Amino acid sequence: MTKHRFMLPLILACGACSQAPHPGQAIWEDTCKVCHSTGLAGAPVIGNQAAWDKRLVRGKDSLYQHALEGWGDMPARGGNPALSDDEVRLAVDYMVSKVE
C-alpha cells in the first residue's frame, strides 16, 4: 500500500490527460475548423478571447441563432445542412469553452 501512496499525486495530475474530448469538438473539426481556425471571412478564431468577447456580450442564444441561421459571410449551420440544431449548439459550446 505504501508504494502506491507515492503514485497518487501522479495519478491525480494525469486525470486531466484522460478527459474525454468536448462533445462539440468533432463537429467543429469537421465543419467549423476551416474558418474558425484561420479567421476566414471574418470568423472569430477559436481561442481568441478578444474576438469572442465581442460576441459573447450578446449572449449564447445570439451565437446559437447566428450559427443556425447564418450571419454575415457565415452560412447557416456552417454550410453543413446535415447538422441538427443540437449539433450546431455543441460546436458553438466547444468554441466558447476555449475562451471561458
Foldseek 3Di string as FASTA:
>chain_A
DVVCVVCVVVVVVCPVVPDDDQPLPVVCVVFVCVCQCPCPQNHPHQLPQVSVVVVCVVPLVVVLCCQQPPDRPQHHVSPDPVDDSVSSSSNVVNSVVSRD
